Amino acid sequence: MAIPMYGQNKDGDALSSVSLSRGYKKISAGVTLDGSEGGVIHIADSDACAIVLPTITAALDGIEYKFIMANDAGGSITITATDQVGDYYQGTLAVHSVDADDGFAANGSSNNIITMNATTTGGLLGSEVNLRAVYNTGWIVWGNVLGTNATGATPFSG
């Protein structure tokens, strides 16, 4: 890692939070994350799978997760954040299918669930959802999810 320029690490110890975003975890069933495993989450579950995110705290500010589908979802894959202000999703996911590409934005005020069903809301092999925790703001989301239907539907709910 390069030496930071003078003053770069002053605002909330910003450079230290980046170190929280390293790691790799392969899952084949539902899991509750606690923040110690930031990094790539390799979803190798062909059935329904529930993933629960940690509540965003000052200590977890800046943690990132990259969820990657290693195979097609056979049931609904859900990624759920705490249902409270400061933990809702903000950002967009692009839903790509054979005949159309659609983009959907989280509302930032009540959406705390992402669902991939392998058809209208993505979840096929190669789908990718990225999340970054921002303390007192929420989970910033971006990514591309792959589905089979011609018309995509929003993966956000809650």
Protein backbone atom coordinates (compact mmCIF):
# COMPACT_ATOMS: atom_id res chain seq x y z
CA MET A 1 0.00 0.00 0.00
CA ALA A 2 1.31 3.43 -0.89
CA ILE A 3 1.99 6.04 1.76
CA PRO A 4 -1.00 8.41 1.94
CA MET A 5 -0.48 12.08 1.22
CA TYR A 6 -0.62 14.49 4.15
CA GLY A 7 -4.16 14.87 5.46
CA GLN A 8 -5.77 12.00 3.52
CA ASN A 9 -6.60 9.97 6.60
CA LYS A 10 -8.02 12.76 8.75
CA ASP A 11 -11.71 12.53 7.91
CA GLY A 12 -13.03 9.70 10.06
CA ASP A 13 -9.92 7.55 9.63
CA ALA A 14 -11.08 6.94 6.05
CA LEU A 15 -8.11 4.89 4.89
CA SER A 16 -8.38 2.44 7.79
CA SER A 17 -11.96 1.53 6.85
CA VAL A 18 -10.80 0.24 3.48
CA SER A 19 -8.96 -2.61 5.23
CA LEU A 20 -12.34 -3.94 6.37
CA SER A 21 -13.23 -4.75 2.78
CA ARG A 22 -10.96 -7.73 2.24
CA GLY A 23 -11.77 -11.38 2.38
CA TYR A 24 -13.56 -14.22 0.69
CA LYS A 25 -16.39 -16.43 1.89
CA LYS A 26 -18.12 -19.20 -0.05
CA ILE A 27 -21.65 -19.95 1.10
CA SER A 28 -24.01 -22.74 0.09
CA ALA A 29 -26.80 -21.93 2.55
CA GLY A 30 -28.24 -18.90 4.29
CA VAL A 31 -25.93 -16.89 6.53
CA THR A 32 -25.99 -13.95 8.94
CA LEU A 33 -22.95 -11.74 8.39
CA ASP A 34 -21.36 -9.90 11.32
CA GLY A 35 -18.99 -7.53 9.53
CA SER A 36 -15.80 -9.51 10.09
CA GLU A 37 -15.99 -11.13 6.65
CA GLY A 38 -16.10 -8.08 4.34
CA GLY A 39 -15.12 -8.82 0.77
CA VAL A 40 -16.33 -11.31 -1.80
CA ILE A 41 -19.27 -13.53 -0.89
CA HIS A 42 -19.43 -16.39 -3.39
CA ILE A 43 -23.02 -17.68 -3.47
CA ALA A 44 -22.96 -21.35 -4.47
CA ASP A 45 -26.53 -22.20 -3.49
CA SER A 46 -28.95 -23.45 -6.13
CA ASP A 47 -31.87 -23.33 -3.69
CA ALA A 48 -33.41 -20.43 -1.80
CA CYS A 49 -30.85 -18.64 0.35
CA ALA A 50 -31.28 -15.85 2.93
CA ILE A 51 -28.31 -13.57 3.61
CA VAL A 52 -28.60 -11.08 6.49
CA LEU A 53 -26.29 -8.05 6.61
CA PRO A 54 -24.88 -6.59 9.83
CA THR A 55 -26.35 -3.37 11.21
CA ILE A 56 -24.17 -0.46 10.09
CA THR A 57 -22.16 0.97 13.00
CA ALA A 58 -19.34 3.52 13.07
CA ALA A 59 -16.92 0.58 13.30
CA LEU A 60 -18.31 -0.94 10.07
CA ASP A 61 -18.35 2.34 8.12
CA GLY A 62 -16.81 1.64 4.72
CA ILE A 63 -17.08 -2.14 4.75
CA GLU A 64 -17.85 -3.55 1.31
CA TYR A 65 -19.39 -6.79 0.13
CA LYS A 66 -19.43 -8.17 -3.39
CA PHE A 67 -22.02 -10.93 -3.80
CA ILE A 68 -21.39 -13.11 -6.86
CA MET A 69 -23.69 -15.88 -8.06
CA ALA A 70 -21.57 -18.98 -8.79
CA ASN A 71 -24.55 -20.82 -10.29
CA ASP A 72 -28.18 -20.14 -11.19
CA ALA A 73 -30.51 -19.47 -8.29
CA GLY A 74 -33.09 -22.22 -7.98
CA GLY A 75 -35.16 -20.22 -5.50
CA SER A 76 -35.14 -16.69 -4.19
CA ILE A 77 -31.79 -15.40 -2.98
CA THR A 78 -32.38 -12.54 -0.54
CA ILE A 79 -29.91 -10.03 0.88
CA THR A 80 -31.55 -8.30 3.83
CA ALA A 81 -30.41 -5.22 5.75
CA THR A 82 -31.70 -4.07 9.13
CA ASP A 83 -35.12 -2.43 8.77
CA GLN A 84 -34.21 0.99 10.19
CA VAL A 85 -33.11 4.46 9.11
CA GLY A 86 -29.39 4.39 8.31
CA ASP A 87 -29.46 0.83 6.96
CA TYR A 88 -31.73 1.08 3.89
CA TYR A 89 -30.46 0.54 0.35
CA GLN A 90 -29.54 3.47 -1.86
CA GLY A 91 -28.32 3.10 -5.42
CA THR A 92 -29.23 1.03 -8.46
CA LEU A 93 -29.13 -2.45 -9.90
CA ALA A 94 -29.28 -3.20 -13.61
CA VAL A 95 -31.41 -6.24 -14.48
CA HIS A 96 -30.30 -7.80 -17.78
CA SER A 97 -32.26 -10.46 -19.65
CA VAL A 98 -32.37 -11.96 -23.12
CA ASP A 99 -34.57 -9.25 -24.64
CA ALA A 100 -34.25 -6.21 -22.40
CA ASP A 101 -32.11 -4.28 -19.96
CA ASP A 102 -33.79 -2.44 -17.10
CA GLY A 103 -32.42 -0.38 -14.25
CA PHE A 104 -34.03 -0.10 -10.82
CA ALA A 105 -33.25 2.28 -7.97
CA ALA A 106 -33.70 1.66 -4.26
CA ASN A 107 -35.80 4.35 -2.60
CA GLY A 108 -33.39 4.94 0.31
CA SER A 109 -36.22 5.19 2.83
CA SER A 110 -37.75 1.72 3.17
CA ASN A 111 -36.03 -0.76 0.83
CA ASN A 112 -34.04 -3.21 2.94
CA ILE A 113 -34.38 -6.41 0.88
CA ILE A 114 -32.78 -7.39 -2.44
CA THR A 115 -34.33 -10.50 -4.02
CA MET A 116 -32.85 -12.40 -6.95
CA ASN A 117 -35.22 -15.05 -8.34
CA ALA A 118 -33.32 -16.05 -11.53
CA THR A 119 -36.11 -14.72 -13.75
CA THR A 120 -37.39 -11.13 -13.46
CA THR A 121 -35.04 -9.89 -10.71
CA GLY A 122 -31.77 -11.58 -11.66
CA GLY A 123 -29.85 -14.33 -9.92
CA LEU A 124 -28.38 -16.29 -12.81
CA LEU A 125 -24.73 -17.34 -12.94
CA GLY A 126 -22.54 -14.22 -12.97
CA SER A 127 -25.00 -11.88 -11.26
CA GLU A 128 -23.14 -9.42 -9.04
CA VAL A 129 -24.38 -7.14 -6.25
CA ASN A 130 -21.99 -4.69 -4.58
CA LEU A 131 -22.71 -3.05 -1.21
CA ARG A 132 -20.80 -0.40 0.74
CA ALA A 133 -21.81 0.60 4.29
CA VAL A 134 -21.98 4.33 4.97
CA TYR A 135 -22.63 5.10 8.63
CA ASN A 136 -25.84 7.13 9.21
CA THR A 137 -26.66 6.88 5.50
CA GLY A 138 -27.23 3.23 4.53
CA TRP A 139 -26.00 0.54 2.17
CA ILE A 140 -24.87 1.97 -1.17
CA VAL A 141 -25.72 -0.61 -3.84
CA TRP A 142 -24.61 -1.09 -7.43
CA GLY A 143 -24.30 -4.03 -9.75
CA ASN A 144 -25.61 -6.12 -12.62
CA VAL A 145 -27.94 -9.06 -12.18
CA LEU A 146 -28.95 -11.49 -14.90
CA GLY A 147 -32.42 -12.93 -15.46
CA THR A 148 -34.35 -14.87 -18.10
CA ASN A 149 -37.56 -12.91 -18.65
CA ALA A 150 -37.96 -10.19 -21.26
CA THR A 151 -39.14 -7.60 -18.75
CA GLY A 152 -37.20 -7.12 -15.54
CA ALA A 153 -38.74 -6.23 -12.20
CA THR A 154 -37.28 -4.34 -9.28
CA PRO A 155 -35.18 -6.51 -6.98
CA PHE A 156 -35.77 -4.01 -4.12
CA SER A 157 -38.52 -4.33 -1.51
CA GLY A 158 -39.19 -3.75 2.15
